[in-house]
PDB file of N, CA and C in Angstrom:
ATOM      1  N   MET A   1      16.160  16.950  -3.851  1.00  0.00           N
ATOM      2  CA  MET A   1      16.852  16.167  -2.879  1.00  0.00           C
ATOM      3  C   MET A   1      18.352  16.243  -3.196  1.00  0.00           C
ATOM      4  N   LYS A   2      19.151  16.366  -2.164  1.00  0.00           N
ATOM      5  CA  LYS A   2      20.596  16.425  -2.329  1.00  0.00           C
ATOM      6  C   LYS A   2      21.138  15.051  -2.721  1.00  0.00           C
ATOM      7  N   PRO A   3      22.293  15.019  -3.436  1.00  0.00           N
ATOM      8  CA  PRO A   3      22.921  13.725  -3.718  1.00  0.00           C
ATOM      9  C   PRO A   3      23.161  12.963  -2.415  1.00  0.00           C
ATOM     10  N   ARG A   4      22.901  11.666  -2.472  1.00  0.00           N
ATOM     11  CA  ARG A   4      23.009  10.748  -1.338  1.00  0.00           C
ATOM     12  C   ARG A   4      21.925  10.977  -0.282  1.00  0.00           C
ATOM     13  N   GLY A   5      20.984  11.876  -0.552  1.00  0.00           N
ATOM     14  CA  GLY A   5      19.833  12.047   0.323  1.00  0.00           C
ATOM     15  C   GLY A   5      18.954  10.806   0.236  1.00  0.00           C
ATOM     16  N   ARG A   6      18.261  10.490   1.299  1.00  0.00           N
ATOM     17  CA  ARG A   6      17.445   9.271   1.340  1.00  0.00           C
ATOM     18  C   ARG A   6      15.954   9.607   1.331  1.00  0.00           C
ATOM     19  N   PHE A   7      15.213   8.704   0.734  1.00  0.00           N
ATOM     20  CA  PHE A   7      13.767   8.846   0.575  1.00  0.00           C
ATOM     21  C   PHE A   7      13.134   7.531   1.026  1.00  0.00           C
ATOM     22  N   ILE A   8      12.159   7.597   1.917  1.00  0.00           N
ATOM     23  CA  ILE A   8      11.517   6.396   2.461  1.00  0.00           C
ATOM     24  C   ILE A   8      10.049   6.373   2.042  1.00  0.00           C
ATOM     25  N   LEU A   9       9.594   5.222   1.568  1.00  0.00           N
ATOM     26  CA  LEU A   9       8.190   5.033   1.192  1.00  0.00           C
ATOM     27  C   LEU A   9       7.591   3.893   2.001  1.00  0.00           C
ATOM     28  N   ASP A  10       6.360   4.076   2.442  1.00  0.00           N
ATOM     29  CA  ASP A  10       5.569   3.043   3.108  1.00  0.00           C
ATOM     30  C   ASP A  10       4.290   2.906   2.283  1.00  0.00           C
ATOM     31  N   LEU A  11       4.100   1.744   1.667  1.00  0.00           N
ATOM     32  CA  LEU A  11       3.025   1.573   0.691  1.00  0.00           C
ATOM     33  C   LEU A  11       2.205   0.316   0.938  1.00  0.00           C
ATOM     34  N   TYR A  12       1.017   0.309   0.326  1.00  0.00           N
ATOM     35  CA  TYR A  12       0.197  -0.889   0.276  1.00  0.00           C
ATOM     36  C   TYR A  12       0.567  -1.649  -0.993  1.00  0.00           C
ATOM     37  N   PRO A  13       0.941  -2.925  -0.900  1.00  0.00           N
ATOM     38  CA  PRO A  13       1.303  -3.682  -2.101  1.00  0.00           C
ATOM     39  C   PRO A  13       0.081  -4.194  -2.858  1.00  0.00           C
ATOM     40  N   ARG A  14       0.125  -4.054  -4.151  1.00  0.00           N
ATOM     41  CA  ARG A  14      -0.997  -4.463  -4.994  1.00  0.00           C
ATOM     42  C   ARG A  14      -1.327  -5.949  -4.832  1.00  0.00           C
ATOM     43  N   ALA A  15      -0.301  -6.792  -4.756  1.00  0.00           N
ATOM     44  CA  ALA A  15      -0.539  -8.248  -4.693  1.00  0.00           C
ATOM     45  C   ALA A  15      -1.380  -8.629  -3.479  1.00  0.00           C
ATOM     46  N   PHE A  16      -1.194  -7.970  -2.346  1.00  0.00           N
ATOM     47  CA  PHE A  16      -1.981  -8.268  -1.158  1.00  0.00           C
ATOM     48  C   PHE A  16      -3.461  -7.977  -1.412  1.00  0.00           C
ATOM     49  N   PHE A  17      -3.754  -6.808  -1.964  1.00  0.00           N
ATOM     50  CA  PHE A  17      -5.154  -6.417  -2.117  1.00  0.00           C
ATOM     51  C   PHE A  17      -5.846  -7.130  -3.275  1.00  0.00           C
ATOM     52  N   GLU A  18      -5.091  -7.680  -4.202  1.00  0.00           N
ATOM     53  CA  GLU A  18      -5.721  -8.476  -5.265  1.00  0.00           C
ATOM     54  C   GLU A  18      -6.426  -9.698  -4.679  1.00  0.00           C
ATOM     55  N   THR A  19      -5.972 -10.154  -3.520  1.00  0.00           N
ATOM     56  CA  THR A  19      -6.578 -11.333  -2.888  1.00  0.00           C
ATOM     57  C   THR A  19      -7.392 -10.983  -1.638  1.00  0.00           C
ATOM     58  N   HIS A  20      -7.540  -9.701  -1.334  1.00  0.00           N
ATOM     59  CA  HIS A  20      -8.298  -9.280  -0.147  1.00  0.00           C
ATOM     60  C   HIS A  20      -9.349  -8.233  -0.535  1.00  0.00           C
ATOM     61  N   LEU A  21     -10.181  -8.583  -1.489  1.00  0.00           N
ATOM     62  CA  LEU A  21     -11.232  -7.684  -1.966  1.00  0.00           C
ATOM     63  C   LEU A  21     -12.581  -8.156  -1.456  1.00  0.00           C
ATOM     64  N   GLY A  22     -13.575  -7.311  -1.635  1.00  0.00           N
ATOM     65  CA  GLY A  22     -14.926  -7.685  -1.252  1.00  0.00           C
ATOM     66  C   GLY A  22     -15.392  -6.958  -0.004  1.00  0.00           C
ATOM     67  N   GLU A  23     -16.417  -7.529   0.604  1.00  0.00           N
ATOM     68  CA  GLU A  23     -17.081  -6.886   1.736  1.00  0.00           C
ATOM     69  C   GLU A  23     -16.778  -7.624   3.035  1.00  0.00           C
ATOM     70  N   ARG A  24     -16.645  -6.849   4.101  1.00  0.00           N
ATOM     71  CA  ARG A  24     -16.537  -7.433   5.447  1.00  0.00           C
ATOM     72  C   ARG A  24     -17.224  -6.502   6.431  1.00  0.00           C
ATOM     73  N   ARG A  25     -17.723  -7.092   7.497  1.00  0.00           N
ATOM     74  CA  ARG A  25     -18.408  -6.338   8.547  1.00  0.00           C
ATOM     75  C   ARG A  25     -17.465  -6.202   9.736  1.00  0.00           C
ATOM     76  N   ILE A  26     -17.345  -4.987  10.227  1.00  0.00           N
ATOM     77  CA  ILE A  26     -16.484  -4.693  11.365  1.00  0.00           C
ATOM     78  C   ILE A  26     -17.385  -4.249  12.509  1.00  0.00           C
ATOM     79  N   GLU A  27     -17.350  -4.967  13.620  1.00  0.00           N
ATOM     80  CA  GLU A  27     -18.147  -4.584  14.778  1.00  0.00           C
ATOM     81  C   GLU A  27     -17.270  -3.816  15.749  1.00  0.00           C
ATOM     82  N   ASN A  28     -17.715  -2.596  16.078  1.00  0.00           N
ATOM     83  CA  ASN A  28     -16.966  -1.703  16.951  1.00  0.00           C
ATOM     84  C   ASN A  28     -17.927  -1.201  18.016  1.00  0.00           C
ATOM     85  N   ASN A  29     -17.795  -1.721  19.232  1.00  0.00           N
ATOM     86  CA  ASN A  29     -18.756  -1.432  20.307  1.00  0.00           C
ATOM     87  C   ASN A  29     -20.139  -1.840  19.822  1.00  0.00           C
ATOM     88  N   SER A  30     -21.067  -0.928  19.746  1.00  0.00           N
ATOM     89  CA  SER A  30     -22.420  -1.277  19.307  1.00  0.00           C
ATOM     90  C   SER A  30     -22.646  -0.925  17.834  1.00  0.00           C
ATOM     91  N   ARG A  31     -21.601  -0.471  17.134  1.00  0.00           N
ATOM     92  CA  ARG A  31     -21.726  -0.085  15.723  1.00  0.00           C
ATOM     93  C   ARG A  31     -21.251  -1.199  14.807  1.00  0.00           C
ATOM     94  N   VAL A  32     -21.841  -1.236  13.633  1.00  0.00           N
ATOM     95  CA  VAL A  32     -21.380  -2.136  12.578  1.00  0.00           C
ATOM     96  C   VAL A  32     -20.953  -1.267  11.400  1.00  0.00           C
ATOM     97  N   ILE A  33     -19.726  -1.481  10.954  1.00  0.00           N
ATOM     98  CA  ILE A  33     -19.196  -0.768   9.804  1.00  0.00           C
ATOM     99  C   ILE A  33     -19.029  -1.794   8.689  1.00  0.00           C
ATOM    100  N   VAL A  34     -19.538  -1.468   7.509  1.00  0.00           N
ATOM    101  CA  VAL A  34     -19.388  -2.359   6.365  1.00  0.00           C
ATOM    102  C   VAL A  34     -18.290  -1.781   5.478  1.00  0.00           C
ATOM    103  N   GLU A  35     -17.226  -2.563   5.313  1.00  0.00           N
ATOM    104  CA  GLU A  35     -16.092  -2.156   4.481  1.00  0.00           C
ATOM    105  C   GLU A  35     -16.149  -2.926   3.169  1.00  0.00           C
ATOM    106  N   THR A  36     -16.055  -2.207   2.054  1.00  0.00           N
ATOM    107  CA  THR A  36     -16.055  -2.830   0.735  1.00  0.00           C
ATOM    108  C   THR A  36     -14.809  -2.387  -0.012  1.00  0.00           C
ATOM    109  N   LYS A  37     -13.980  -3.371  -0.414  1.00  0.00           N
ATOM    110  CA  LYS A  37     -12.756  -3.085  -1.174  1.00  0.00           C
ATOM    111  C   LYS A  37     -12.935  -3.575  -2.597  1.00  0.00           C
ATOM    112  N   SER A  38     -12.547  -2.728  -3.559  1.00  0.00           N
ATOM    113  CA  SER A  38     -12.573  -3.119  -4.968  1.00  0.00           C
ATOM    114  C   SER A  38     -11.313  -2.599  -5.642  1.00  0.00           C
ATOM    115  N   LEU A  39     -10.977  -3.211  -6.762  1.00  0.00           N
ATOM    116  CA  LEU A  39      -9.767  -2.858  -7.495  1.00  0.00           C
ATOM    117  C   LEU A  39     -10.117  -2.670  -8.957  1.00  0.00           C
ATOM    118  N   ARG A  40      -9.746  -1.532  -9.507  1.00  0.00           N
ATOM    119  CA  ARG A  40      -9.903  -1.285 -10.938  1.00  0.00           C
ATOM    120  C   ARG A  40      -8.537  -0.861 -11.464  1.00  0.00           C
ATOM    121  N   GLU A  41      -7.976  -1.722 -12.323  1.00  0.00           N
ATOM    122  CA  GLU A  41      -6.611  -1.545 -12.811  1.00  0.00           C
ATOM    123  C   GLU A  41      -5.686  -1.425 -11.604  1.00  0.00           C
ATOM    124  N   ASN A  42      -5.044  -0.284 -11.408  1.00  0.00           N
ATOM    125  CA  ASN A  42      -4.123  -0.156 -10.266  1.00  0.00           C
ATOM    126  C   ASN A  42      -4.669   0.789  -9.194  1.00  0.00           C
ATOM    127  N   ARG A  43      -5.982   0.910  -9.116  1.00  0.00           N
ATOM    128  CA  ARG A  43      -6.617   1.785  -8.125  1.00  0.00           C
ATOM    129  C   ARG A  43      -7.412   0.952  -7.124  1.00  0.00           C
ATOM    130  N   LEU A  44      -7.040   1.055  -5.855  1.00  0.00           N
ATOM    131  CA  LEU A  44      -7.773   0.399  -4.776  1.00  0.00           C
ATOM    132  C   LEU A  44      -8.800   1.384  -4.237  1.00  0.00           C
ATOM    133  N   ARG A  45     -10.036   0.932  -4.147  1.00  0.00           N
ATOM    134  CA  ARG A  45     -11.123   1.761  -3.618  1.00  0.00           C
ATOM    135  C   ARG A  45     -11.669   1.082  -2.365  1.00  0.00           C
ATOM    136  N   VAL A  46     -11.768   1.839  -1.281  1.00  0.00           N
ATOM    137  CA  VAL A  46     -12.302   1.332  -0.023  1.00  0.00           C
ATOM    138  C   VAL A  46     -13.481   2.218   0.371  1.00  0.00           C
ATOM    139  N   GLU A  47     -14.637   1.585   0.547  1.00  0.00           N
ATOM    140  CA  GLU A  47     -15.835   2.291   0.999  1.00  0.00           C
ATOM    141  C   GLU A  47     -16.159   1.817   2.407  1.00  0.00           C
ATOM    142  N   LEU A  48     -16.381   2.768   3.307  1.00  0.00           N
ATOM    143  CA  LEU A  48     -16.778   2.459   4.678  1.00  0.00           C
ATOM    144  C   LEU A  48     -18.182   2.996   4.882  1.00  0.00           C
ATOM    145  N   ASP A  49     -19.116   2.107   5.175  1.00  0.00           N
ATOM    146  CA  ASP A  49     -20.510   2.479   5.401  1.00  0.00           C
ATOM    147  C   ASP A  49     -20.794   2.341   6.893  1.00  0.00           C
ATOM    148  N   TYR A  50     -21.080   3.468   7.543  1.00  0.00           N
ATOM    149  CA  TYR A  50     -21.326   3.503   8.983  1.00  0.00           C
ATOM    150  C   TYR A  50     -22.816   3.406   9.321  1.00  0.00           C
ATOM    151  N   GLY A  51     -23.642   3.245   8.299  1.00  0.00           N
ATOM    152  CA  GLY A  51     -25.085   3.200   8.518  1.00  0.00           C
ATOM    153  C   GLY A  51     -25.719   4.558   8.279  1.00  0.00           C
ATOM    154  N   ASN A  52     -25.188   5.587   8.919  1.00  0.00           N
ATOM    155  CA  ASN A  52     -25.739   6.937   8.751  1.00  0.00           C
ATOM    156  C   ASN A  52     -24.787   7.864   7.988  1.00  0.00           C
ATOM    157  N   ALA A  53     -23.617   7.381   7.635  1.00  0.00           N
ATOM    158  CA  ALA A  53     -22.627   8.153   6.888  1.00  0.00           C
ATOM    159  C   ALA A  53     -21.722   7.185   6.138  1.00  0.00           C
ATOM    160  N   ARG A  54     -20.953   7.729   5.214  1.00  0.00           N
ATOM    161  CA  ARG A  54     -20.096   6.889   4.377  1.00  0.00           C
ATOM    162  C   ARG A  54     -18.817   7.635   4.037  1.00  0.00           C
ATOM    163  N   ASP A  55     -17.695   6.922   4.031  1.00  0.00           N
ATOM    164  CA  ASP A  55     -16.415   7.455   3.578  1.00  0.00           C
ATOM    165  C   ASP A  55     -15.932   6.608   2.415  1.00  0.00           C
ATOM    166  N   VAL A  56     -15.285   7.255   1.464  1.00  0.00           N
ATOM    167  CA  VAL A  56     -14.711   6.555   0.320  1.00  0.00           C
ATOM    168  C   VAL A  56     -13.263   7.019   0.173  1.00  0.00           C
ATOM    169  N   TYR A  57     -12.361   6.036   0.068  1.00  0.00           N
ATOM    170  CA  TYR A  57     -10.934   6.315  -0.098  1.00  0.00           C
ATOM    171  C   TYR A  57     -10.459   5.599  -1.356  1.00  0.00           C
ATOM    172  N   GLU A  58      -9.465   6.188  -2.012  1.00  0.00           N
ATOM    173  CA  GLU A  58      -8.922   5.555  -3.201  1.00  0.00           C
ATOM    174  C   GLU A  58      -7.418   5.790  -3.261  1.00  0.00           C
ATOM    175  N   TRP A  59      -6.684   4.719  -3.595  1.00  0.00           N
ATOM    176  CA  TRP A  59      -5.227   4.790  -3.691  1.00  0.00           C
ATOM    177  C   TRP A  59      -4.778   4.161  -4.995  1.00  0.00           C
ATOM    178  N   GLN A  60      -3.665   4.654  -5.512  1.00  0.00           N
ATOM    179  CA  GLN A  60      -2.977   3.948  -6.579  1.00  0.00           C
ATOM    180  C   GLN A  60      -2.039   2.961  -5.900  1.00  0.00           C
ATOM    181  N   ILE A  61      -2.076   1.699  -6.313  1.00  0.00           N
ATOM    182  CA  ILE A  61      -1.236   0.698  -5.665  1.00  0.00           C
ATOM    183  C   ILE A  61      -0.337   0.040  -6.708  1.00  0.00           C
ATOM    184  N   PHE A  62       0.812  -0.439  -6.235  1.00  0.00           N
ATOM    185  CA  PHE A  62       1.864  -0.908  -7.120  1.00  0.00           C
ATOM    186  C   PHE A  62       2.414  -2.255  -6.674  1.00  0.00           C
ATOM    187  N   TYR A  63       3.038  -2.941  -7.611  1.00  0.00           N
ATOM    188  CA  TYR A  63       3.885  -4.084  -7.300  1.00  0.00           C
ATOM    189  C   TYR A  63       5.258  -3.531  -6.909  1.00  0.00           C
ATOM    190  N   PRO A  64       6.026  -4.255  -6.098  1.00  0.00           N
ATOM    191  CA  PRO A  64       7.341  -3.743  -5.674  1.00  0.00           C
ATOM    192  C   PRO A  64       8.253  -3.340  -6.835  1.00  0.00           C
ATOM    193  N   ASP A  65       8.319  -4.155  -7.880  1.00  0.00           N
ATOM    194  CA  ASP A  65       9.206  -3.824  -8.997  1.00  0.00           C
ATOM    195  C   ASP A  65       8.762  -2.565  -9.740  1.00  0.00           C
ATOM    196  N   GLU A  66       7.464  -2.265  -9.743  1.00  0.00           N
ATOM    197  CA  GLU A  66       6.986  -1.028 -10.368  1.00  0.00           C
ATOM    198  C   GLU A  66       7.493   0.194  -9.605  1.00  0.00           C
ATOM    199  N   ILE A  67       7.467   0.121  -8.271  1.00  0.00           N
ATOM    200  CA  ILE A  67       7.970   1.229  -7.450  1.00  0.00           C
ATOM    201  C   ILE A  67       9.464   1.423  -7.695  1.00  0.00           C
ATOM    202  N   ALA A  68      10.212   0.322  -7.712  1.00  0.00           N
ATOM    203  CA  ALA A  68      11.655   0.407  -7.928  1.00  0.00           C
ATOM    204  C   ALA A  68      11.970   1.022  -9.293  1.00  0.00           C
ATOM    205  N   ALA A  69      11.212   0.656 -10.315  1.00  0.00           N
ATOM    206  CA  ALA A  69      11.437   1.214 -11.648  1.00  0.00           C
ATOM    207  C   ALA A  69      11.121   2.704 -11.693  1.00  0.00           C
ATOM    208  N   LEU A  70      10.040   3.111 -11.059  1.00  0.00           N
ATOM    209  CA  LEU A  70       9.706   4.547 -11.004  1.00  0.00           C
ATOM    210  C   LEU A  70      10.797   5.340 -10.290  1.00  0.00           C
ATOM    211  N   ALA A  71      11.284   4.798  -9.189  1.00  0.00           N
ATOM    212  CA  ALA A  71      12.338   5.477  -8.428  1.00  0.00           C
ATOM    213  C   ALA A  71      13.617   5.583  -9.256  1.00  0.00           C
ATOM    214  N   ALA A  72      13.971   4.520  -9.948  1.00  0.00           N
ATOM    215  CA  ALA A  72      15.184   4.529 -10.779  1.00  0.00           C
ATOM    216  C   ALA A  72      15.086   5.587 -11.872  1.00  0.00           C
ATOM    217  N   ARG A  73      13.912   5.709 -12.486  1.00  0.00           N
ATOM    218  CA  ARG A  73      13.717   6.754 -13.509  1.00  0.00           C
ATOM    219  C   ARG A  73      13.860   8.146 -12.912  1.00  0.00           C
ATOM    220  N   GLY A  74      13.584   8.269 -11.616  1.00  0.00           N
ATOM    221  CA  GLY A  74      13.713   9.554 -10.931  1.00  0.00           C
ATOM    222  C   GLY A  74      15.100   9.792 -10.340  1.00  0.00           C
ATOM    223  N   GLY A  75      16.056   8.930 -10.653  1.00  0.00           N
ATOM    224  CA  GLY A  75      17.414   9.129 -10.182  1.00  0.00           C
ATOM    225  C   GLY A  75      17.679   8.607  -8.777  1.00  0.00           C
ATOM    226  N   LEU A  76      16.897   7.624  -8.336  1.00  0.00           N
ATOM    227  CA  LEU A  76      17.067   7.060  -7.001  1.00  0.00           C
ATOM    228  C   LEU A  76      17.545   5.608  -7.084  1.00  0.00           C
ATOM    229  N   ASN A  77      18.473   5.253  -6.243  1.00  0.00           N
ATOM    230  CA  ASN A  77      18.935   3.871  -6.109  1.00  0.00           C
ATOM    231  C   ASN A  77      18.208   3.225  -4.947  1.00  0.00           C
ATOM    232  N   GLU A  78      17.780   1.990  -5.146  1.00  0.00           N
ATOM    233  CA  GLU A  78      17.114   1.253  -4.066  1.00  0.00           C
ATOM    234  C   GLU A  78      18.151   0.762  -3.059  1.00  0.00           C
ATOM    235  N   ILE A  79      17.966   1.132  -1.798  1.00  0.00           N
ATOM    236  CA  ILE A  79      18.854   0.714  -0.717  1.00  0.00           C
ATOM    237  C   ILE A  79      18.240  -0.469   0.043  1.00  0.00           C
ATOM    238  N   LEU A  80      16.922  -0.432   0.229  1.00  0.00           N
ATOM    239  CA  LEU A  80      16.251  -1.457   1.022  1.00  0.00           C
ATOM    240  C   LEU A  80      14.827  -1.631   0.524  1.00  0.00           C
ATOM    241  N   ARG A  81      14.372  -2.891   0.537  1.00  0.00           N
ATOM    242  CA  ARG A  81      12.980  -3.250   0.229  1.00  0.00           C
ATOM    243  C   ARG A  81      12.571  -4.249   1.286  1.00  0.00           C
ATOM    244  N   CYS A  82      11.489  -3.961   2.026  1.00  0.00           N
ATOM    245  CA  CYS A  82      11.061  -4.885   3.074  1.00  0.00           C
ATOM    246  C   CYS A  82       9.550  -4.794   3.256  1.00  0.00           C
ATOM    247  N   ALA A  83       9.026  -5.558   4.226  1.00  0.00           N
ATOM    248  CA  ALA A  83       7.588  -5.572   4.498  1.00  0.00           C
ATOM    249  C   ALA A  83       7.340  -5.479   5.997  1.00  0.00           C
ATOM    250  N   ASN A  84       6.213  -4.873   6.342  1.00  0.00           N
ATOM    251  CA  ASN A  84       5.764  -4.743   7.736  1.00  0.00           C
ATOM    252  C   ASN A  84       6.850  -4.182   8.651  1.00  0.00           C
ATOM    253  N   PHE A  85       7.659  -3.273   8.132  1.00  0.00           N
ATOM    254  CA  PHE A  85       8.716  -2.583   8.889  1.00  0.00           C
ATOM    255  C   PHE A  85       9.754  -3.541   9.451  1.00  0.00           C
ATOM    256  N   ASP A  86       9.937  -4.684   8.789  1.00  0.00           N
ATOM    257  CA  ASP A  86      10.899  -5.684   9.220  1.00  0.00           C
ATOM    258  C   ASP A  86      11.866  -5.934   8.066  1.00  0.00           C
ATOM    259  N   GLU A  87      13.112  -5.547   8.235  1.00  0.00           N
ATOM    260  CA  GLU A  87      14.104  -5.653   7.169  1.00  0.00           C
ATOM    261  C   GLU A  87      14.334  -7.088   6.710  1.00  0.00           C
ATOM    262  N   THR A  88      13.941  -8.063   7.502  1.00  0.00           N
ATOM    263  CA  THR A  88      14.140  -9.472   7.131  1.00  0.00           C
ATOM    264  C   THR A  88      12.989 -10.023   6.300  1.00  0.00           C
ATOM    265  N   LEU A  89      11.905  -9.275   6.152  1.00  0.00           N
ATOM    266  CA  LEU A  89      10.742  -9.734   5.385  1.00  0.00           C
ATOM    267  C   LEU A  89      10.694  -9.051   4.028  1.00  0.00           C
ATOM    268  N   ALA A  90      10.516  -9.830   2.992  1.00  0.00           N
ATOM    269  CA  ALA A  90      10.347  -9.279   1.650  1.00  0.00           C
ATOM    270  C   ALA A  90       8.870  -8.994   1.400  1.00  0.00           C
ATOM    271  N   PRO A  91       8.552  -7.985   0.595  1.00  0.00           N
ATOM    272  CA  PRO A  91       7.148  -7.763   0.237  1.00  0.00           C
ATOM    273  C   PRO A  91       6.561  -9.016  -0.406  1.00  0.00           C
ATOM    274  N   SER A  92       5.316  -9.306  -0.060  1.00  0.00           N
ATOM    275  CA  SER A  92       4.654 -10.482  -0.621  1.00  0.00           C
ATOM    276  C   SER A  92       3.145 -10.269  -0.607  1.00  0.00           C
ATOM    277  N   ALA A  93       2.447 -11.176  -1.263  1.00  0.00           N
ATOM    278  CA  ALA A  93       0.983 -11.112  -1.322  1.00  0.00           C
ATOM    279  C   ALA A  93       0.343 -11.391   0.026  1.00  0.00           C
ATOM    280  N   GLU A  94       1.103 -11.919   0.987  1.00  0.00           N
ATOM    281  CA  GLU A  94       0.565 -12.224   2.309  1.00  0.00           C
ATOM    282  C   GLU A  94       0.686 -11.056   3.287  1.00  0.00           C
ATOM    283  N   LEU A  95       1.462 -10.038   2.943  1.00  0.00           N
ATOM    284  CA  LEU A  95       1.723  -8.925   3.873  1.00  0.00           C
ATOM    285  C   LEU A  95       1.134  -7.624   3.332  1.00  0.00           C
ATOM    286  N   SER A  96       0.476  -6.875   4.213  1.00  0.00           N
ATOM    287  CA  SER A  96      -0.314  -5.714   3.773  1.00  0.00           C
ATOM    288  C   SER A  96       0.460  -4.401   3.655  1.00  0.00           C
ATOM    289  N   ARG A  97       1.719  -4.381   4.022  1.00  0.00           N
ATOM    290  CA  ARG A  97       2.509  -3.147   3.906  1.00  0.00           C
ATOM    291  C   ARG A  97       3.890  -3.476   3.357  1.00  0.00           C
ATOM    292  N   MET A  98       4.472  -2.536   2.617  1.00  0.00           N
ATOM    293  CA  MET A  98       5.847  -2.685   2.149  1.00  0.00           C
ATOM    294  C   MET A  98       6.547  -1.342   2.266  1.00  0.00           C
ATOM    295  N   GLN A  99       7.852  -1.391   2.509  1.00  0.00           N
ATOM    296  CA  GLN A  99       8.637  -0.177   2.667  1.00  0.00           C
ATOM    297  C   GLN A  99       9.856  -0.244   1.739  1.00  0.00           C
ATOM    298  N   PHE A 100      10.277   0.947   1.324  1.00  0.00           N
ATOM    299  CA  PHE A 100      11.472   1.100   0.493  1.00  0.00           C
ATOM    300  C   PHE A 100      12.308   2.236   1.065  1.00  0.00           C
ATOM    301  N   VAL A 101      13.627   2.100   0.924  1.00  0.00           N
ATOM    302  CA  VAL A 101      14.542   3.198   1.178  1.00  0.00           C
ATOM    303  C   VAL A 101      15.307   3.409  -0.117  1.00  0.00           C
ATOM    304  N   PHE A 102      15.271   4.628  -0.613  1.00  0.00           N
ATOM    305  CA  PHE A 102      15.987   4.988  -1.834  1.00  0.00           C
ATOM    306  C   PHE A 102      16.998   6.071  -1.516  1.00  0.00           C
ATOM    307  N   GLU A 103      18.048   6.127  -2.338  1.00  0.00           N
ATOM    308  CA  GLU A 103      19.079   7.158  -2.159  1.00  0.00           C
ATOM    309  C   GLU A 103      19.280   7.871  -3.494  1.00  0.00           C
ATOM    310  N   LYS A 104      19.382   9.184  -3.434  1.00  0.00           N
ATOM    311  CA  LYS A 104      19.600   9.998  -4.630  1.00  0.00           C
ATOM    312  C   LYS A 104      20.990   9.748  -5.185  1.00  0.00           C
ATOM    313  N   ARG A 105      21.078   9.539  -6.486  1.00  0.00           N
ATOM    314  CA  ARG A 105      22.391   9.323  -7.119  1.00  0.00           C
ATOM    315  C   ARG A 105      23.212  10.587  -7.071  1.00  0.00           C
TER     316      ARG A 105
END
């Protein structure tokens, strides 16, 4: 990345998913999908059971300060930290998305 180049991240915040784990049933038309979320250390695992098929997804998730520290070690300055694509909202355990804008030193 060139100096002063910008880097944008859209992430799932760890604090939100620490309080939104477990199983839920999603009804879609005549189908029922069972979603199961679990957390092991900093890995979020989501299993979707469609009855006749299954998908499994896994992400590494972070707290906002962890992302900022990783970016700083990589030579990036934090320009903006927000949630749900709204610059007036700070990342929190109540919001399921967070965004960062970083700039190369």
